[in-house]
Protein backbone atom coordinates (compact mmCIF):
# COMPACT_ATOMS: atom_id res chain seq x y z
CA UNK A 1 207.89 166.71 244.49
CA UNK A 2 206.07 164.05 242.47
CA UNK A 3 206.80 163.41 238.80
CA UNK A 4 205.49 160.73 236.43
CA UNK A 5 207.52 158.39 234.26
CA UNK A 6 206.78 157.37 230.66
CA UNK A 7 204.34 154.74 231.96
CA UNK A 8 202.60 157.45 233.96
CA UNK A 9 203.68 155.94 237.24
CA UNK A 10 204.27 158.45 240.06
CA UNK A 11 207.83 158.89 241.34
CA UNK A 12 208.83 160.94 244.37
CA UNK A 13 211.88 163.17 244.16
CA UNK A 14 214.21 164.06 247.02
CA UNK A 15 215.68 167.50 247.65
CA UNK A 16 217.41 169.31 244.78
CA UNK A 17 221.13 168.52 244.48
CA UNK A 18 222.14 170.79 241.63
CA UNK A 19 221.04 173.04 238.85
CA UNK A 20 221.91 175.74 236.36
CA UNK A 21 220.54 177.89 233.61
CA UNK A 22 218.72 175.01 231.93
CA UNK A 23 217.11 173.29 234.89
CA UNK A 24 217.43 171.57 238.26
CA UNK A 25 218.57 168.09 239.28
CA UNK A 26 216.74 165.89 241.81
CA UNK A 27 217.48 162.31 242.92
CA UNK A 28 214.71 159.72 242.92
CA UNK A 29 213.68 159.09 246.52
CA UNK A 30 213.43 155.34 245.91
CA UNK A 31 216.76 155.11 244.04
CA UNK A 32 219.25 157.98 244.55
CA UNK A 33 221.55 156.54 241.86
CA UNK A 34 218.98 157.84 239.35
CA UNK A 35 218.46 161.59 239.04
CA UNK A 36 215.90 163.67 237.18
CA UNK A 37 216.58 166.87 235.29
CA UNK A 38 213.58 169.18 235.26
CA UNK A 39 213.92 172.03 232.81
CA UNK A 40 213.10 175.54 233.95
CA UNK A 41 209.68 176.79 232.94
CA UNK A 42 211.28 179.61 230.99
CA UNK A 43 213.24 177.10 228.89
CA UNK A 44 210.19 174.93 228.38
CA UNK A 45 208.18 177.90 227.17
CA UNK A 46 211.00 179.13 224.96
CA UNK A 47 212.06 175.87 223.33
CA UNK A 48 210.28 173.00 225.06
CA UNK A 49 209.25 171.27 221.83
CA UNK A 50 212.81 171.29 220.49
CA UNK A 51 214.20 170.09 223.83
CA UNK A 52 211.77 167.20 223.96
CA UNK A 53 212.45 166.18 220.36
CA UNK A 54 216.18 166.12 221.04
CA UNK A 55 215.85 164.14 224.28
CA UNK A 56 213.49 161.72 222.48
CA UNK A 57 216.19 161.13 219.84
CA UNK A 58 218.89 160.71 222.49
CA UNK A 59 216.89 158.14 224.43
CA UNK A 60 216.48 156.00 221.34
CA UNK A 61 219.95 156.46 219.90
CA UNK A 62 222.51 154.91 222.20
CA UNK A 63 221.70 151.77 224.14
CA UNK A 64 225.40 151.16 224.75
CA UNK A 65 225.84 154.67 226.17
CA UNK A 66 222.81 154.33 228.40
CA UNK A 67 224.44 151.26 229.94
CA UNK A 68 227.69 153.15 230.56
CA UNK A 69 228.02 154.52 234.09
CA UNK A 70 230.24 157.33 232.80
CA UNK A 71 227.77 159.08 230.48
CA UNK A 72 224.74 160.71 232.11
CA UNK A 73 222.63 160.10 229.03
CA UNK A 74 218.84 160.64 229.00
CA UNK A 75 217.06 157.37 229.77
CA UNK A 76 213.35 158.08 230.16
CA UNK A 77 211.09 161.11 229.82
CA UNK A 78 209.28 162.55 232.84
CA UNK A 79 205.98 164.44 233.09
CA UNK A 80 203.92 166.43 235.56
CA UNK A 81 200.48 165.51 236.88
CA UNK A 82 198.88 167.17 233.83
CA UNK A 83 200.88 164.97 231.47
CA UNK A 84 203.11 167.90 230.46
CA UNK A 85 206.70 167.04 229.57
CA UNK A 86 209.21 168.27 232.17
CA UNK A 87 212.55 166.62 231.42
CA UNK A 88 214.23 163.25 231.76
CA UNK A 89 215.83 160.75 234.12
CA UNK A 90 219.46 159.63 233.93
CA UNK A 91 222.13 157.87 235.96
CA UNK A 92 223.79 159.95 238.64
CA UNK A 93 227.34 161.11 238.04
CA UNK A 94 229.89 161.34 240.81
CA UNK A 95 233.17 163.11 241.19
CA UNK A 96 234.75 166.54 241.25
CA UNK A 97 234.63 169.00 238.33
CA UNK A 98 237.84 169.11 236.33
CA UNK A 99 237.91 172.84 237.11
CA UNK A 100 239.06 171.83 240.61
CA UNK A 101 241.79 169.58 239.19
CA UNK A 102 243.01 172.22 236.73
CA UNK A 103 243.71 174.79 239.43
CA UNK A 104 247.04 175.76 241.06
CA UNK A 105 245.66 175.42 244.59
CA UNK A 106 242.35 173.56 244.57
CA UNK A 107 243.77 170.31 243.18
CA UNK A 108 245.58 169.83 246.49
CA UNK A 109 242.26 169.95 248.36
CA UNK A 110 240.02 167.95 246.04
CA UNK A 111 242.56 165.48 244.63
CA UNK A 112 244.93 165.06 247.59
CA UNK A 113 246.49 161.80 246.40
CA UNK A 114 246.94 162.63 242.75
CA UNK A 115 250.22 162.97 240.88
CA UNK A 116 250.94 163.52 237.20
CA UNK A 117 250.20 159.86 236.41
CA UNK A 118 246.73 160.33 237.87
CA UNK A 119 246.06 163.32 235.63
CA UNK A 120 247.10 161.29 232.61
CA UNK A 121 244.81 158.44 233.71
CA UNK A 122 241.90 160.90 233.91
CA UNK A 123 242.63 162.19 230.41
CA UNK A 124 242.93 158.69 228.96
CA UNK A 125 239.58 157.66 230.40
CA UNK A 126 237.97 160.85 229.12
CA UNK A 127 239.37 160.19 225.64
CA UNK A 128 238.01 156.64 225.63
CA UNK A 129 234.50 157.82 226.50
CA UNK A 130 234.44 160.70 224.02
CA UNK A 131 235.71 158.32 221.35
CA UNK A 132 232.56 156.22 221.84
CA UNK A 133 230.45 159.32 221.23
CA UNK A 134 232.41 160.34 218.15
CA UNK A 135 232.06 156.91 216.59
CA UNK A 136 228.29 157.37 216.88
CA UNK A 137 228.45 160.79 215.20
CA UNK A 138 227.79 162.65 218.45
CA UNK A 139 229.84 165.74 219.31
CA UNK A 140 230.17 167.26 222.77
CA UNK A 141 230.42 170.84 221.53
CA UNK A 142 230.57 172.62 224.88
CA UNK A 143 233.83 171.10 226.09
CA UNK A 144 234.94 172.87 229.26
CA UNK A 145 236.32 172.00 232.68
CA UNK A 146 232.91 172.26 234.35
CA UNK A 147 231.21 169.63 232.21
CA UNK A 148 233.30 166.65 233.33
CA UNK A 149 233.57 165.12 236.79
CA UNK A 150 236.54 163.03 237.89
CA UNK A 151 236.39 160.50 240.72
CA UNK A 152 239.44 161.25 242.95
CA UNK A 153 239.72 157.59 244.02
CA UNK A 154 239.42 155.86 240.63
CA UNK A 155 240.41 158.65 238.19
CA UNK A 156 237.37 157.79 236.07
CA UNK A 157 235.51 160.64 234.36
CA UNK A 158 231.76 161.23 234.19
CA UNK A 159 230.22 163.24 231.37
CA UNK A 160 227.39 165.56 232.45
CA UNK A 161 225.00 167.99 230.72
CA UNK A 162 224.74 165.55 227.83
CA UNK A 163 221.42 166.94 226.65
CA UNK A 164 223.44 169.78 225.12
CA UNK A 165 225.48 167.43 222.89
CA UNK A 166 225.02 167.60 219.14
CA UNK A 167 223.04 164.59 217.92
CA UNK A 168 221.50 163.54 214.64
CA UNK A 169 218.18 161.87 214.04
CA UNK A 170 219.13 158.86 211.92
CA UNK A 171 215.63 158.60 210.49
CA UNK A 172 215.16 162.21 209.38
CA UNK A 173 218.84 163.32 209.25
CA UNK A 174 217.90 166.36 211.33
CA UNK A 175 220.80 167.67 213.40
CA UNK A 176 220.16 169.02 216.89
CA UNK A 177 223.07 171.41 217.58
CA UNK A 178 224.81 172.07 220.84
CA UNK A 179 223.27 175.46 221.76
CA UNK A 180 225.93 176.51 224.28
CA UNK A 181 229.67 177.05 224.40
CA UNK A 182 232.55 179.28 225.40
CA UNK A 183 234.55 181.36 222.88
CA UNK A 184 237.86 180.57 224.62
CA UNK A 185 237.21 176.85 224.09
CA UNK A 186 235.82 177.09 220.55
CA UNK A 187 237.84 176.72 217.33
CA UNK A 188 238.16 179.79 215.15
CA UNK A 189 236.01 178.39 212.34
CA UNK A 190 232.98 178.63 214.63
CA UNK A 191 233.61 182.15 215.96
CA UNK A 192 231.14 184.85 214.98
CA UNK A 193 228.18 182.44 214.88
CA UNK A 194 225.46 181.83 217.48
CA UNK A 195 226.19 178.54 219.21
CA UNK A 196 222.76 177.16 218.40
CA UNK A 197 223.49 177.61 214.68
CA UNK A 198 226.92 175.96 214.68
CA UNK A 199 227.25 172.46 213.28
CA UNK A 200 230.05 170.87 215.26
CA UNK A 201 232.50 168.47 213.63
CA UNK A 202 235.00 165.89 214.78
CA UNK A 203 237.75 168.46 214.23
CA UNK A 204 236.06 171.13 216.32
CA UNK A 205 235.69 168.73 219.25
CA UNK A 206 239.36 167.75 218.89
CA UNK A 207 240.43 171.38 219.12
CA UNK A 208 238.38 172.08 222.26
CA UNK A 209 239.50 168.80 223.82
CA UNK A 210 243.17 169.75 223.31
CA UNK A 211 242.59 173.03 225.17
CA UNK A 212 240.96 171.16 228.06
CA UNK A 213 243.80 168.61 228.25
CA UNK A 214 246.36 171.42 228.20
CA UNK A 215 244.56 173.06 231.13
CA UNK A 216 244.53 169.79 233.09
CA UNK A 217 248.24 169.21 232.56
CA UNK A 218 249.16 172.87 233.13
CA UNK A 219 247.28 173.65 236.37
CA UNK A 220 244.45 175.47 234.61
CA UNK A 221 246.54 177.78 232.44
CA UNK A 222 244.85 178.54 229.13
CA UNK A 223 247.11 177.67 226.16
CA UNK A 224 246.51 181.07 224.55
CA UNK A 225 247.44 183.15 227.58
CA UNK A 226 250.62 185.11 226.89
CA UNK A 227 252.57 188.22 227.88
CA UNK A 228 251.04 191.46 226.59
CA UNK A 229 249.02 189.73 223.92
CA UNK A 230 245.42 190.43 224.76
CA UNK A 231 242.98 187.88 226.13
CA UNK A 232 242.94 184.16 225.27
CA UNK A 233 240.06 184.57 222.79
CA UNK A 234 241.97 187.19 220.78
CA UNK A 235 245.12 185.07 220.83
CA UNK A 236 243.19 181.97 219.81
CA UNK A 237 241.77 183.79 216.79
CA UNK A 238 245.30 184.81 215.77
CA UNK A 239 246.77 181.39 216.47
CA UNK A 240 249.22 182.85 219.00
CA UNK A 241 250.24 179.73 220.93
CA UNK A 242 253.36 180.80 222.88
CA UNK A 243 254.80 177.36 223.65
CA UNK A 244 257.30 175.36 221.64
CA UNK A 245 260.34 176.06 219.50
CA UNK A 246 260.73 179.60 218.18
CA UNK A 247 258.57 181.30 220.78
CA UNK A 248 259.29 184.72 222.28
CA UNK A 249 261.91 184.90 225.04
CA UNK A 250 260.65 185.04 228.65
CA UNK A 251 259.24 188.45 229.52
CA UNK A 252 258.83 189.57 225.92
CA UNK A 253 255.49 190.25 224.27
CA UNK A 254 253.81 186.99 223.13
CA UNK A 255 255.97 184.93 225.53
CA UNK A 256 254.72 182.32 227.97
CA UNK A 257 253.22 184.17 231.00
CA UNK A 258 255.34 184.54 234.14
CA UNK A 259 254.95 181.76 236.67
CA UNK A 260 255.56 178.00 236.66
CA UNK A 261 254.13 177.42 233.17
CA UNK A 262 257.37 177.07 231.21
CA UNK A 263 258.79 174.75 233.88
CA UNK A 264 255.71 172.52 233.72
CA UNK A 265 255.75 172.58 229.91
CA UNK A 266 259.40 171.52 229.88
CA UNK A 267 258.52 168.34 231.78
CA UNK A 268 255.87 167.17 229.31
CA UNK A 269 257.10 164.54 226.90
CA UNK A 270 258.23 165.67 223.46
CA UNK A 271 255.39 163.77 221.81
CA UNK A 272 252.74 165.33 224.07
CA UNK A 273 254.15 168.80 223.36
CA UNK A 274 254.22 168.06 219.66
CA UNK A 275 250.52 167.16 219.58
CA UNK A 276 249.67 170.39 221.41
CA UNK A 277 251.73 172.40 218.91
CA UNK A 278 250.12 170.61 215.97
CA UNK A 279 246.59 171.11 217.25
CA UNK A 280 246.76 174.52 218.91
CA UNK A 281 249.20 176.27 216.58
CA UNK A 282 249.14 174.60 213.18
CA UNK A 283 245.58 173.39 213.65
CA UNK A 284 244.06 176.81 214.30
CA UNK A 285 243.62 177.47 210.58
CA UNK A 286 243.98 173.88 209.38
CA UNK A 287 241.51 171.58 211.15
CA UNK A 288 243.02 168.54 209.41
CA UNK A 289 246.23 169.11 211.44
CA UNK A 290 244.50 168.51 214.75
CA UNK A 291 245.59 165.37 216.57
CA UNK A 292 243.10 162.49 216.65
CA UNK A 293 241.92 160.73 219.78
CA UNK A 294 243.92 157.66 218.75
CA UNK A 295 247.09 159.79 218.54
CA UNK A 296 246.44 161.38 221.91
CA UNK A 297 245.73 158.01 223.49
CA UNK A 298 248.96 156.52 222.15
CA UNK A 299 251.13 159.46 223.19
CA UNK A 300 249.57 159.83 226.66
CA UNK A 301 249.99 156.12 227.33
CA UNK A 302 253.69 156.42 226.46
CA UNK A 303 253.94 159.47 228.73
CA UNK A 304 252.27 157.54 231.56
CA UNK A 305 254.71 154.63 231.29
CA UNK A 306 257.68 157.03 231.13
CA UNK A 307 256.56 158.57 234.42
CA UNK A 308 255.89 155.15 235.94
CA UNK A 309 259.41 153.99 235.06
CA UNK A 310 260.97 157.11 236.54
CA UNK A 311 262.11 158.56 233.23
CA UNK A 312 259.93 161.66 233.72
CA UNK A 313 258.73 163.46 236.82
CA UNK A 314 255.47 162.53 238.50
CA UNK A 315 255.28 165.96 240.16
CA UNK A 316 252.30 168.04 239.14
CA UNK A 317 254.19 171.25 239.89
CA UNK A 318 257.93 170.69 239.44
CA UNK A 319 260.11 173.51 240.75
CA UNK A 320 262.96 173.33 238.26
CA UNK A 321 263.07 173.18 234.50
CA UNK A 322 263.80 169.83 232.92
CA UNK A 323 267.56 169.60 232.22
CA UNK A 324 268.35 171.17 228.85
CA UNK A 325 270.63 168.28 227.91
CA UNK A 326 267.48 166.31 227.14
CA UNK A 327 266.99 166.54 223.38
CA UNK A 328 263.25 166.85 223.85
CA UNK A 329 263.67 170.26 225.51
CA UNK A 330 265.86 171.53 222.71
CA UNK A 331 263.29 170.57 220.11
CA UNK A 332 260.09 171.56 221.89
């Protein structure tokens, strides 16, 4: 396939390497480290003008992000032979989706050398990159395990599908929303609205990010899964977070589900557990209670060093509960 860049120079594409509901991804034949996203014709007919306006704003908004290898940000527009807009070029991401890391079995296959320190390193790097976006007034919106890739050798995280992020045109103040999302990852204040009408905030990203980090640390378990309490979306809307002090006893309705989840939770540091409780229990109805990226970074760094020094387990799936004599277990 031949496409044309913004200078109307022809560029040959290699075979497709990925795709989804929005479009397909092709590497440049001359430089496979650059890939091109070509939107599906259906999407172009439905909302091509809006898509192009948003990509145009993104290209001109973040020079520092474009230079980052960890954000697959739109760099240049691409066209067909009739000068019709088709999509954009970006740097190629590499790594494994976090959905493979946050899985009771697949993490062993795709991240064979990882321990709990490695998971924390991945989360710290993800926080650093998202913090850059937030400081520019850009919100991810559709935060889920499939939209981030982690390199198993470096534990660095690549952000993909960035054309869905919520951005603002600084000149006109027009906001281009994130048109996609998942109810089980979305804070309650945005439920009941079409995703393309939601205006994301810092607090809504922080809520979704806490769910994702919980899943990464807890082998994919959703924080609002519980015994006999409906599905995670229903529990999220009610604020039924079953972990922490005062929760239902094992086996009872609204308790932590059967399996290794309580054992894993017991081995998290008190401060990590406290931020989850603040954000996912208290923060359901009070967005101001949600932990900031700076707080998460500080607490996860402390957790990392505690594991490194042997004060906490490095096992991803410990088999026994943390000894109850530890005051942290009694509190959280």
